Protein backbone atom coordinates (compact mmCIF):
# COMPACT_ATOMS: atom_id res chain seq x y z
CA MET A 1 132.09 166.14 131.92
CA LYS A 2 132.47 162.38 132.85
CA LYS A 3 130.98 162.34 135.87
CA ALA A 4 127.32 163.78 133.86
CA VAL A 5 128.11 160.75 131.62
CA ILE A 6 128.02 158.62 134.21
CA ILE A 7 125.11 160.20 136.31
CA ALA A 8 123.24 160.04 132.64
CA ALA A 9 123.73 156.49 132.31
CA LEU A 10 122.81 155.45 135.63
CA ALA A 11 119.81 157.58 135.17
CA LEU A 12 118.81 155.84 131.70
CA ALA A 13 119.30 151.76 133.34
CA THR A 14 117.18 153.27 136.45
CA ALA A 15 114.35 154.20 133.80
CA ALA A 16 114.64 151.01 131.30
CA SER A 17 114.49 148.76 134.22
CA THR A 18 111.45 150.04 136.03
CA VAL A 19 109.72 150.28 132.41
CA VAL A 20 106.03 148.14 132.67
CA PHE A 21 105.25 145.79 129.48
CA ALA A 22 101.23 145.76 129.25
CA LYS A 23 99.91 141.69 128.98
CA GLU A 24 96.42 141.28 127.72
CA MET A 25 94.22 138.69 128.57
CA THR A 26 90.44 137.25 128.03
CA GLY A 27 88.24 136.19 130.77
CA THR A 28 84.85 135.67 132.69
CA ILE A 29 84.48 137.72 135.49
CA LYS A 30 83.92 135.84 138.83
CA ALA A 31 83.40 138.88 141.48
CA ILE A 32 83.58 141.91 141.55
CA ASN A 33 85.01 144.07 144.79
CA LYS A 34 83.69 147.71 144.93
CA ASN A 35 84.99 148.31 147.85
CA ASN A 36 88.97 147.60 147.11
CA ASP A 37 88.51 148.31 143.33
CA SER A 38 89.18 144.54 142.33
CA ILE A 39 87.52 141.85 139.94
CA MET A 40 88.32 138.23 140.23
CA LEU A 41 87.78 136.00 137.14
CA THR A 42 86.60 132.33 136.64
CA ASP A 43 90.24 131.19 136.68
CA GLY A 44 91.28 132.89 140.06
CA LYS A 45 93.12 135.91 138.60
CA THR A 46 92.45 139.11 140.61
CA LEU A 47 92.85 142.55 139.09
CA LYS A 48 93.01 146.09 140.77
CA LEU A 49 91.41 148.43 138.93
CA PRO A 50 92.62 151.86 138.59
CA GLU A 51 91.04 155.24 139.61
CA GLY A 52 89.38 155.58 135.70
CA ILE A 53 87.51 152.37 135.74
CA GLU A 54 84.54 152.02 138.03
CA ALA A 55 83.83 148.51 139.12
CA GLU A 56 79.91 149.75 138.70
CA THR A 57 80.16 149.67 135.47
CA LEU A 58 81.29 145.81 135.29
CA LYS A 59 78.96 142.54 136.43
CA ALA A 60 79.90 138.97 137.12
CA GLY A 61 79.42 136.84 134.63
CA GLU A 62 80.53 139.08 131.93
CA LYS A 63 83.39 137.74 129.14
CA VAL A 64 85.71 141.04 129.10
CA THR A 65 89.72 141.52 127.31
CA ILE A 66 91.67 142.89 130.32
CA VAL A 67 94.88 145.20 129.07
CA TYR A 68 97.26 144.92 132.33
CA SER A 69 100.32 145.23 133.82
CA SER A 70 102.43 143.41 136.98
CA LYS A 71 103.40 145.71 139.51
CA ALA A 72 104.94 145.04 143.07
CA GLY A 73 103.51 141.34 142.83
CA LYS A 74 99.74 142.65 142.27
CA LEU A 75 97.82 142.42 138.16
CA MET A 76 97.20 146.04 137.58
CA VAL A 77 93.97 146.57 135.17
CA SER A 78 94.75 149.50 132.51
CA ASP A 79 92.23 148.80 130.21
CA ILE A 80 89.16 146.60 130.40
CA HIS A 81 86.36 146.16 127.54
CA ALA A 82 83.43 143.31 126.66
CA ALA A 83 85.62 140.51 124.65
CA LYS A 84 84.18 140.23 121.03
CA CYS A 85 82.15 137.27 120.25
CA GLN A 86 83.49 134.64 118.11
CA ARG A 87 81.41 133.91 115.08
CA ARG A 88 79.95 130.59 114.79
CA SER A 89 80.25 128.07 111.58
CA LYS A 90 77.00 127.81 109.67
CA ILE A 91 75.45 124.52 110.07
CA ARG A 92 73.82 122.75 107.12
CA PRO A 93 70.18 121.02 107.89
CA SER A 94 70.23 117.06 108.12
CA GLY A 95 70.95 116.02 104.44
CA GLY A 96 73.84 118.01 103.73
CA ALA A 97 71.63 120.07 101.63
CA LYS A 98 72.27 123.51 101.72
CA VAL A 99 69.72 125.77 102.42
CA GLY A 100 67.83 127.45 99.44
CA HIS A 101 68.71 124.75 97.19
CA LEU A 102 66.55 121.81 96.01
CA ALA A 103 67.79 118.11 95.88
CA PRO A 104 67.30 116.43 92.73
C-alpha cells in the first residue's frame, strides 16, 4: 500500500512539473519560413507553428495575437489570429466645435 502511494505521488509530481503554461502576445509578422513552419516577429522573436496552422495562411506585415508556450527553449504557437484594431478617438474639427452643432 505504501509503495503504491509513493509511486502515485511521484507520478503526480512529475506530471505537475511538465505542465506548460500558455502565454499571449501581440506582434507584427516580419518573416515567414514555410520550410521550417515558423514565423519571425518584428521584435526578433521566432515562433514555431504546429501542424494545424499552415504558414501559407499568414503574411508578412500582418499584426497578430499569438497564444504560445515555451517547450525545450523554443516558442511554440498554439493559436494565432489577426489582432483586433484599437478604436481611435474622435477628432474634432479646428475651433473645437462638435460636428453637427452650429456656433452662435
